[in-house]
């Protein structure tokens, strides 16, 4: 027998679940929304992000750019209304390469993204007639330049930046709870679907098992999206990759505190001493560090005031994997990241002999084969999915939550809705075309 009822039950109190609860309760006035999670809000993977955002999304169509533009609009509205409580900035992304051919590929991607609505591309070649370059002042972020600058002038060598994901999530959770959203600590163990329609949700909580009567259930379980989908008898088209980050103190001041997010676009081979090479070659895990490593090592400053912390990430181990907690941490990850970032920031070589004490954490990127969100109704009536937000959950969740809420309330859908609907995987030709797209802009 049901012990309580809810208009909507959302499984997962990460940024996907909280953003959706906020949109349902605050925007649409749905009062009886129940968030269920066995962990504290935002504690599984949502607080493990670089917390960056961008509308730079090359691709086969404009769907991701349009989605991100909408999400950033919503983030900026919330920042303005809250006195920028979650510290949104427009410090930008800096993609760097030492290969002229790759610079031309970056130009092509930027022109494509601009054509999709990401904003103009300003090219700086050191010639008369070049557009002027505006450096970020940092004082009044809404007035900082958007779009992208392509730097081809050796003398010089977007609507992007970052924010506090924890503060963004808590701001929305507080506003949602103020209008009636409830949070239940427990694990969803079953979803009743009598006659092919959601009817109840069973939760294992500290006080015992509780059954909630509801006609709408949302799988927003982040890296646990697939196991929760199986409670509905569904196999969702998702998989996970392990992505980690290292935080350490840049006590030598190698990285300027006003630096943007820095991304190295070139593959590289790490420099090791003969002794180190012999040691690494002795194990299978170490041996692959002697081979060519993939592009994508990236870094940004972390913290304000007198902070000297930097965050470094390098997804060189991003094969498909099962979701395991606690996270399996690759040996030498912090040192490998420091050596990788030195290809772009040579001053980091000063830390090779004695690396500052690192802190390593991370989470899983749960994604679809086309690396696009999974948002919309599922084959079981009353069930919806809001997930597969991969490595862009914080930046995209405002718009994907708005989209999920529109599906749940029968509101008008944006034109990009079909690009993220689960039913897109019913079209094998379309799925194959999207999955073949190699430049997903993912880090």
Protein backbone atom coordinates (compact mmCIF):
# COMPACT_ATOMS: atom_id res chain seq x y z
CA UNK A 1 0.00 0.00 0.00
CA UNK A 2 1.30 3.43 -0.94
CA UNK A 3 2.42 5.56 2.02
CA UNK A 4 2.41 8.82 0.08
CA UNK A 5 1.79 10.16 -3.40
CA UNK A 6 3.62 12.48 -5.79
CA UNK A 7 2.86 14.06 -9.13
CA UNK A 8 6.40 13.29 -10.29
CA UNK A 9 9.09 11.08 -8.73
CA UNK A 10 12.64 11.86 -9.87
CA UNK A 11 15.33 9.26 -9.25
CA UNK A 12 18.62 11.11 -8.74
CA UNK A 13 19.51 14.31 -6.88
CA UNK A 14 22.46 15.25 -9.03
CA UNK A 15 22.40 18.31 -11.25
CA UNK A 16 20.04 16.58 -13.72
CA UNK A 17 17.46 15.69 -11.09
CA UNK A 18 17.69 18.96 -9.17
CA UNK A 19 17.50 21.12 -12.31
CA UNK A 20 14.41 19.21 -13.42
CA UNK A 21 12.74 19.52 -10.01
CA UNK A 22 13.45 23.26 -10.14
CA UNK A 23 11.93 23.65 -13.60
CA UNK A 24 8.87 21.60 -12.74
CA UNK A 25 8.16 23.34 -9.42
CA UNK A 26 9.31 26.91 -10.03
CA UNK A 27 8.54 27.34 -13.72
CA UNK A 28 5.52 25.04 -14.18
CA UNK A 29 4.04 25.11 -10.69
CA UNK A 30 4.12 21.33 -10.16
CA UNK A 31 4.05 21.16 -6.37
CA UNK A 32 4.22 17.47 -5.48
CA UNK A 33 7.66 16.63 -6.86
CA UNK A 34 9.70 14.05 -4.98
CA UNK A 35 13.48 13.74 -5.43
CA UNK A 36 14.89 10.36 -4.37
CA UNK A 37 18.59 9.65 -3.82
CA UNK A 38 20.48 7.45 -1.38
CA UNK A 39 23.34 9.97 -1.27
CA UNK A 40 23.43 13.67 -0.35
CA UNK A 41 22.47 16.00 -3.23
CA UNK A 42 25.13 16.66 -5.88
CA UNK A 43 27.60 14.26 -4.24
CA UNK A 44 28.09 11.42 -6.73
CA UNK A 45 29.43 13.03 -9.92
CA UNK A 46 27.94 16.52 -10.17
CA UNK A 47 30.56 17.96 -7.82
CA UNK A 48 33.43 16.30 -9.68
CA UNK A 49 33.23 18.48 -12.80
CA UNK A 50 35.55 21.18 -14.14
CA UNK A 51 32.36 23.32 -13.87
CA UNK A 52 33.07 24.87 -17.26
CA UNK A 53 30.59 25.81 -19.97
CA UNK A 54 30.72 26.65 -23.67
CA UNK A 55 28.57 26.93 -26.76
CA UNK A 56 31.41 25.68 -28.98
CA UNK A 57 29.89 22.51 -30.47
CA UNK A 58 30.95 21.58 -34.01
CA UNK A 59 28.83 18.76 -35.33
CA UNK A 60 26.64 17.47 -38.15
CA UNK A 61 23.84 19.91 -37.25
CA UNK A 62 23.05 22.84 -34.97
CA UNK A 63 21.18 20.95 -32.22
CA UNK A 64 23.95 21.04 -29.60
CA UNK A 65 24.77 24.72 -30.22
CA UNK A 66 21.10 25.66 -29.93
CA UNK A 67 20.71 23.59 -26.75
CA UNK A 68 23.82 25.12 -25.17
CA UNK A 69 22.86 28.65 -26.17
CA UNK A 70 19.52 28.15 -24.45
CA UNK A 71 21.18 26.64 -21.38
CA UNK A 72 23.65 29.52 -21.09
CA UNK A 73 20.78 32.01 -21.47
CA UNK A 74 19.05 30.32 -18.52
CA UNK A 75 22.27 30.25 -16.48
CA UNK A 76 22.86 33.94 -17.12
CA UNK A 77 19.28 34.74 -16.11
CA UNK A 78 19.75 32.83 -12.86
CA UNK A 79 23.13 34.46 -12.24
CA UNK A 80 21.59 37.89 -12.68
CA UNK A 81 18.59 37.13 -10.45
CA UNK A 82 20.73 35.67 -7.65
CA UNK A 83 23.48 38.26 -7.57
CA UNK A 84 25.68 35.71 -9.34
CA UNK A 85 25.65 33.40 -6.35
CA UNK A 86 27.27 30.60 -8.33
CA UNK A 87 30.18 32.78 -9.53
CA UNK A 88 29.59 32.54 -13.27
CA UNK A 89 32.38 34.05 -15.35
CA UNK A 90 33.25 34.39 -19.01
CA UNK A 91 36.93 33.54 -18.82
CA UNK A 92 36.69 31.36 -21.89
CA UNK A 93 38.35 28.25 -23.31
CA UNK A 94 41.75 28.37 -25.02
CA UNK A 95 42.32 25.51 -27.47
CA UNK A 96 46.02 25.38 -28.36
CA UNK A 97 48.05 23.45 -30.93
CA UNK A 98 51.60 23.42 -32.25
CA UNK A 99 50.50 21.93 -35.59
CA UNK A 100 49.50 24.33 -38.42
CA UNK A 101 47.27 21.69 -40.01
CA UNK A 102 45.37 21.27 -36.77
CA UNK A 103 44.95 25.04 -36.55
CA UNK A 104 43.18 24.93 -39.92
CA UNK A 105 40.92 22.16 -38.64
CA UNK A 106 40.14 24.34 -35.63
CA UNK A 107 39.27 27.18 -37.98
CA UNK A 108 36.90 24.90 -39.90
CA UNK A 109 35.24 23.76 -36.66
CA UNK A 110 34.90 27.34 -35.44
CA UNK A 111 33.36 28.46 -38.72
CA UNK A 112 30.90 25.58 -38.53
CA UNK A 113 29.97 26.38 -34.92
CA UNK A 114 29.57 30.05 -35.83
CA UNK A 115 27.24 29.05 -38.64
CA UNK A 116 25.14 27.12 -36.13
CA UNK A 117 24.71 30.22 -33.97
CA UNK A 118 27.66 30.07 -31.56
CA UNK A 119 28.67 33.64 -32.46
CA UNK A 120 31.12 35.26 -34.83
CA UNK A 121 34.65 33.97 -35.39
CA UNK A 122 37.30 36.68 -35.10
CA UNK A 123 40.55 35.68 -36.84
CA UNK A 124 43.80 37.41 -35.80
CA UNK A 125 46.67 36.98 -38.28
CA UNK A 126 48.75 40.03 -37.39
CA UNK A 127 47.66 41.89 -40.51
CA UNK A 128 46.09 45.25 -41.13
CA UNK A 129 42.33 44.93 -41.06
CA UNK A 130 42.28 42.22 -38.37
CA UNK A 131 39.47 42.63 -35.82
CA UNK A 132 40.58 44.16 -32.54
CA UNK A 133 41.24 41.73 -29.72
CA UNK A 134 39.59 42.45 -26.37
CA UNK A 135 41.31 41.03 -23.34
CA UNK A 136 39.09 39.92 -20.47
CA UNK A 137 38.84 42.52 -17.74
CA UNK A 138 36.99 40.21 -15.37
CA UNK A 139 35.14 42.98 -13.55
CA UNK A 140 31.84 42.96 -15.40
CA UNK A 141 31.48 39.51 -16.94
CA UNK A 142 28.20 40.12 -18.87
CA UNK A 143 30.06 42.75 -20.89
CA UNK A 144 32.94 40.47 -21.79
CA UNK A 145 33.16 39.36 -25.44
CA UNK A 146 31.41 36.21 -26.58
CA UNK A 147 31.95 33.99 -29.62
CA UNK A 148 35.55 32.96 -30.49
CA UNK A 149 38.96 34.36 -31.39
CA UNK A 150 41.33 32.34 -33.59
CA UNK A 151 44.92 33.41 -32.85
CA UNK A 152 47.29 32.86 -35.77
CA UNK A 153 49.52 35.84 -34.95
CA UNK A 154 52.66 34.65 -33.07
CA UNK A 155 52.70 37.97 -31.22
CA UNK A 156 49.31 37.28 -29.68
CA UNK A 157 49.95 33.66 -28.95
CA UNK A 158 33.57 32.67 -26.85
CA UNK A 159 30.86 32.48 -24.85
CA UNK A 160 32.67 30.26 -22.46
CA UNK A 161 33.79 30.20 -18.85
CA UNK A 162 32.97 28.38 -15.63
CA UNK A 163 31.00 28.64 -12.42
CA UNK A 164 30.43 26.87 -9.11
CA UNK A 165 28.38 23.79 -9.91
CA UNK A 166 27.72 23.12 -6.22
CA UNK A 167 26.29 26.60 -5.72
CA UNK A 168 24.23 26.35 -8.92
CA UNK A 169 22.70 23.08 -7.76
CA UNK A 170 22.02 24.24 -4.21
CA UNK A 171 20.48 27.50 -5.42
CA UNK A 172 17.99 25.55 -7.52
CA UNK A 173 17.36 22.95 -4.81
CA UNK A 174 16.58 25.62 -2.22
CA UNK A 175 14.19 27.41 -4.58
CA UNK A 176 12.48 24.13 -5.47
CA UNK A 177 12.08 23.03 -1.85
CA UNK A 178 10.68 26.46 -0.98
CA UNK A 179 7.70 25.74 -3.25
CA UNK A 180 7.09 22.18 -2.13
CA UNK A 181 9.67 19.83 -3.67
CA UNK A 182 10.59 17.07 -1.21
CA UNK A 183 13.85 15.12 -0.90
CA UNK A 184 13.73 11.49 0.22
CA UNK A 185 16.96 9.75 1.19
CA UNK A 186 16.72 6.22 -0.15
CA UNK A 187 17.27 3.94 -3.13
CA UNK A 188 14.65 3.29 -5.78
CA UNK A 189 14.28 -0.50 -5.87
CA UNK A 190 11.21 -0.97 -8.07
CA UNK A 191 8.90 0.91 -10.43
CA UNK A 192 5.40 -0.44 -10.72
CA UNK A 193 3.96 -0.23 -14.21
CA UNK A 194 0.52 -1.81 -14.21
CA UNK A 195 -0.85 -2.15 -17.72
CA UNK A 196 2.27 -0.60 -19.23
CA UNK A 197 1.85 2.66 -17.25
CA UNK A 198 3.78 3.91 -14.22
CA UNK A 199 1.72 3.50 -11.06
CA UNK A 200 4.10 3.47 -8.10
CA UNK A 201 7.73 3.66 -7.02
CA UNK A 202 9.28 1.61 -4.22
CA UNK A 203 12.09 3.14 -2.17
CA UNK A 204 14.38 1.47 0.36
CA UNK A 205 15.00 4.12 3.02
CA UNK A 206 16.55 4.13 6.47
CA UNK A 207 13.15 3.74 8.11
CA UNK A 208 12.16 0.82 5.90
CA UNK A 209 10.58 0.32 2.50
CA UNK A 210 8.24 3.02 1.27
CA UNK A 211 5.90 2.96 -1.72
CA UNK A 212 4.97 6.19 -3.48
CA UNK A 213 1.90 6.35 -5.69
CA UNK A 214 2.69 8.29 -8.86
CA UNK A 215 1.89 8.34 -12.56
CA UNK A 216 5.17 9.96 -13.63
CA UNK A 217 8.69 8.71 -12.99
CA UNK A 218 11.96 10.22 -14.23
CA UNK A 219 15.24 8.36 -14.52
CA UNK A 220 17.80 11.09 -13.78
CA UNK A 221 20.28 8.79 -12.09
CA UNK A 222 23.47 10.04 -13.75
CA UNK A 223 26.00 7.18 -14.02
CA UNK A 224 23.34 4.79 -12.72
CA UNK A 225 20.98 5.65 -15.58
CA UNK A 226 21.09 2.15 -17.08
CA UNK A 227 20.44 0.17 -13.85
CA UNK A 228 17.48 2.40 -13.03
CA UNK A 229 16.20 1.97 -16.58
CA UNK A 230 16.18 -1.79 -16.03
CA UNK A 231 13.65 -1.28 -13.22
CA UNK A 232 11.29 -0.36 -16.07
CA UNK A 233 12.36 -3.38 -18.10
CA UNK A 234 14.32 -1.16 -20.50
CA UNK A 235 17.88 -1.26 -21.79
CA UNK A 236 18.85 2.36 -22.31
CA UNK A 237 21.40 3.03 -25.09
CA UNK A 238 24.11 4.39 -22.79
CA UNK A 239 27.58 3.49 -21.57
CA UNK A 240 30.10 5.06 -19.20
CA UNK A 241 33.70 6.26 -19.26
CA UNK A 242 35.85 7.04 -16.23
CA UNK A 243 37.01 10.66 -16.17
CA UNK A 244 39.27 11.96 -13.40
CA UNK A 245 40.77 15.26 -12.34
CA UNK A 246 43.70 16.26 -10.18
CA UNK A 247 43.85 19.36 -8.02
CA UNK A 248 47.20 20.64 -6.78
CA UNK A 249 48.84 23.83 -5.57
CA UNK A 250 50.77 25.80 -8.19
CA UNK A 251 53.04 27.30 -5.54
CA UNK A 252 55.54 28.44 -8.18
CA UNK A 253 52.91 30.58 -9.89
CA UNK A 254 53.39 28.92 -13.28
CA UNK A 255 49.77 29.50 -14.35
CA UNK A 256 48.39 33.09 -14.31
CA UNK A 257 45.33 33.31 -12.09
CA UNK A 258 43.34 35.02 -14.84
CA UNK A 259 44.01 32.22 -17.34
CA UNK A 260 41.08 30.65 -19.20
CA UNK A 261 40.47 26.91 -19.44
CA UNK A 262 43.55 25.72 -21.39
CA UNK A 263 43.24 22.71 -23.71
CA UNK A 264 46.15 21.10 -25.59
CA UNK A 265 44.89 19.74 -28.91
CA UNK A 266 47.91 17.67 -29.97
CA UNK A 267 48.78 14.04 -29.21
CA UNK A 268 52.15 13.72 -27.51
CA UNK A 269 54.75 11.37 -26.10
CA UNK A 270 55.73 12.03 -22.50
CA UNK A 271 59.33 12.59 -21.54
CA UNK A 272 60.71 9.99 -19.13
CA UNK A 273 64.21 9.27 -17.86
CA UNK A 274 65.79 5.93 -18.75
CA UNK A 275 65.15 4.70 -15.21
CA UNK A 276 61.51 5.77 -15.37
CA UNK A 277 61.04 4.11 -18.75
CA UNK A 278 62.43 0.84 -17.42
CA UNK A 279 60.11 1.00 -14.41
CA UNK A 280 57.01 1.75 -16.54
CA UNK A 281 57.81 -0.93 -19.12
CA UNK A 282 57.67 -3.57 -16.40
CA UNK A 283 53.86 -3.36 -16.08
CA UNK A 284 50.98 -3.39 -18.52
CA UNK A 285 49.47 -0.28 -16.92
CA UNK A 286 52.75 1.59 -17.11
CA UNK A 287 53.76 0.41 -20.57
CA UNK A 288 50.98 2.32 -22.33
CA UNK A 289 52.36 5.56 -20.85
CA UNK A 290 55.40 5.08 -23.08
CA UNK A 291 53.26 5.21 -26.22
CA UNK A 292 51.78 8.22 -27.95
CA UNK A 293 49.19 9.76 -25.64
CA UNK A 294 45.94 11.31 -26.91
CA UNK A 295 45.16 15.01 -27.19
CA UNK A 296 42.94 16.77 -24.69
CA UNK A 297 44.94 17.44 -21.52
CA UNK A 298 43.44 20.57 -19.99
CA UNK A 299 43.86 22.87 -17.00
CA UNK A 300 42.26 25.85 -15.32
CA UNK A 301 42.86 27.92 -12.17
CA UNK A 302 40.63 27.01 -9.23
CA UNK A 303 39.48 29.27 -6.41
CA UNK A 304 39.59 32.98 -5.81
CA UNK A 305 41.50 35.33 -3.58
CA UNK A 306 44.92 34.00 -2.66
CA UNK A 307 44.27 30.48 -4.02
CA UNK A 308 47.08 28.88 -6.02
CA UNK A 309 45.14 25.73 -6.85
CA UNK A 310 44.84 24.43 -10.41
CA UNK A 311 42.74 21.60 -11.81
CA UNK A 312 44.23 19.31 -14.48
CA UNK A 313 42.32 16.68 -16.43
CA UNK A 314 43.38 14.26 -19.13
CA UNK A 315 40.99 11.55 -20.38
CA UNK A 316 43.72 9.25 -21.70
CA UNK A 317 41.95 6.26 -20.14
CA UNK A 318 38.41 6.90 -21.47
CA UNK A 319 37.46 3.40 -22.61
CA UNK A 320 33.99 2.03 -21.87
CA UNK A 321 33.78 0.68 -18.34
CA UNK A 322 31.39 -0.54 -15.68
CA UNK A 323 30.40 1.97 -13.00
CA UNK A 324 32.32 1.04 -9.85
CA UNK A 325 32.33 2.93 -6.55
CA UNK A 326 34.68 3.91 -4.99
CA UNK A 327 36.38 4.96 -8.20
CA UNK A 328 39.34 2.93 -9.47
CA UNK A 329 42.19 5.45 -9.71
CA UNK A 330 44.91 4.77 -12.31
CA UNK A 331 48.40 4.65 -10.89
CA UNK A 332 50.55 7.75 -11.57
CA UNK A 333 47.51 9.78 -12.78
CA UNK A 334 48.58 13.07 -11.15
CA UNK A 335 52.14 12.84 -12.42
CA UNK A 336 51.00 11.91 -15.92
CA UNK A 337 48.66 14.91 -16.03
CA UNK A 338 51.41 17.25 -14.87
CA UNK A 339 53.78 15.94 -17.54
CA UNK A 340 51.08 16.19 -20.19
CA UNK A 341 50.20 19.80 -19.42
CA UNK A 342 53.89 20.74 -19.67
CA UNK A 343 53.62 20.32 -23.44
CA UNK A 344 51.45 23.46 -23.42
CA UNK A 345 52.86 25.12 -20.29
CA UNK A 346 56.60 24.31 -20.24
CA UNK A 347 56.99 25.91 -16.83
CA UNK A 348 55.18 22.92 -15.34
CA UNK A 349 58.36 20.89 -15.90
CA UNK A 350 59.62 22.50 -12.70
CA UNK A 351 57.29 20.15 -10.82
CA UNK A 352 58.59 16.92 -12.37
CA UNK A 353 61.10 16.24 -9.62
CA UNK A 354 58.72 17.07 -6.77
CA UNK A 355 55.02 17.24 -7.56
CA UNK A 356 52.88 19.21 -5.08
CA UNK A 357 50.62 16.98 -3.02
CA UNK A 358 47.71 16.16 -5.38
CA UNK A 359 44.06 15.42 -4.71
CA UNK A 360 42.47 13.12 -7.30
CA UNK A 361 38.76 12.51 -7.79
CA UNK A 362 36.33 12.29 -10.67
CA UNK A 363 33.33 10.43 -11.95
CA UNK A 364 31.74 8.74 -14.93
CA UNK A 365 30.69 10.31 -18.20
CA UNK A 366 27.51 8.40 -19.02
CA UNK A 367 26.74 8.94 -22.68
CA UNK A 368 25.07 7.74 -25.84
CA UNK A 369 26.93 6.67 -28.98
CA UNK A 370 26.23 10.09 -30.56
CA UNK A 371 27.35 11.86 -27.34
CA UNK A 372 24.08 13.74 -27.02
CA UNK A 373 21.68 13.90 -24.07
CA UNK A 374 18.86 11.42 -23.66
CA UNK A 375 15.78 13.48 -22.79
CA UNK A 376 12.16 12.53 -23.29
CA UNK A 377 9.44 9.93 -22.80
CA UNK A 378 10.29 6.23 -22.56
CA UNK A 379 8.21 3.32 -23.95
CA UNK A 380 6.55 2.83 -20.54
CA UNK A 381 3.75 5.41 -20.29
CA UNK A 382 4.49 8.04 -17.66
CA UNK A 383 8.23 7.29 -17.62
CA UNK A 384 10.82 9.80 -18.80
CA UNK A 385 14.60 9.94 -18.96
CA UNK A 386 16.80 12.96 -18.27
CA UNK A 387 20.39 11.87 -18.58
CA UNK A 388 23.38 10.84 -20.69
CA UNK A 389 24.72 14.34 -20.03
CA UNK A 390 28.23 12.98 -20.49
CA UNK A 391 30.85 15.60 -19.55
CA UNK A 392 28.53 18.55 -20.10
CA UNK A 393 25.92 18.04 -17.39
CA UNK A 394 26.43 21.28 -15.50
CA UNK A 395 26.49 23.45 -18.61
CA UNK A 396 23.57 21.71 -20.35
CA UNK A 397 21.28 20.80 -17.47
CA UNK A 398 19.33 24.06 -17.42
CA UNK A 399 18.16 23.54 -21.00
CA UNK A 400 17.80 19.75 -20.82
CA UNK A 401 15.75 20.13 -17.62
CA UNK A 402 13.58 22.69 -19.36
CA UNK A 403 13.11 20.20 -22.21
CA UNK A 404 12.29 17.29 -19.86
CA UNK A 405 9.82 19.47 -17.97
CA UNK A 406 8.12 20.41 -21.24
CA UNK A 407 7.69 16.72 -22.09
CA UNK A 408 6.29 15.96 -18.63
CA UNK A 409 3.84 18.87 -18.57
CA UNK A 410 2.76 18.73 -22.21
CA UNK A 411 4.21 22.18 -22.91
CA UNK A 412 5.50 23.37 -26.27
CA UNK A 413 8.77 21.70 -27.27
CA UNK A 414 11.77 23.51 -28.78
CA UNK A 415 12.70 22.62 -32.36
CA UNK A 416 15.77 20.68 -31.19
CA UNK A 417 13.72 18.27 -29.02
CA UNK A 418 13.83 15.35 -31.54
CA UNK A 419 17.65 15.45 -31.53
CA UNK A 420 17.67 14.33 -27.89
CA UNK A 421 14.53 12.16 -27.76
CA UNK A 422 15.18 8.46 -26.92
CA UNK A 423 13.20 7.51 -30.02
CA UNK A 424 16.02 8.80 -32.23
CA UNK A 425 17.70 5.44 -31.74
CA UNK A 426 14.82 3.80 -33.58
CA UNK A 427 16.29 5.34 -36.76
CA UNK A 428 19.45 3.31 -37.31
CA UNK A 429 20.64 5.36 -40.27
CA UNK A 430 20.41 8.61 -38.33
CA UNK A 431 22.10 7.07 -35.31
CA UNK A 432 24.97 5.76 -37.42
CA UNK A 433 25.46 9.17 -39.03
CA UNK A 434 25.66 10.94 -35.68
CA UNK A 435 27.83 8.26 -34.08
CA UNK A 436 30.32 8.60 -36.94
CA UNK A 437 30.85 12.27 -36.14
CA UNK A 438 34.36 12.37 -34.66
CA UNK A 439 34.66 15.92 -33.32
CA UNK A 440 32.19 15.93 -30.45
CA UNK A 441 33.96 18.83 -28.67
CA UNK A 442 34.14 16.57 -25.61
CA UNK A 443 37.08 16.81 -23.24
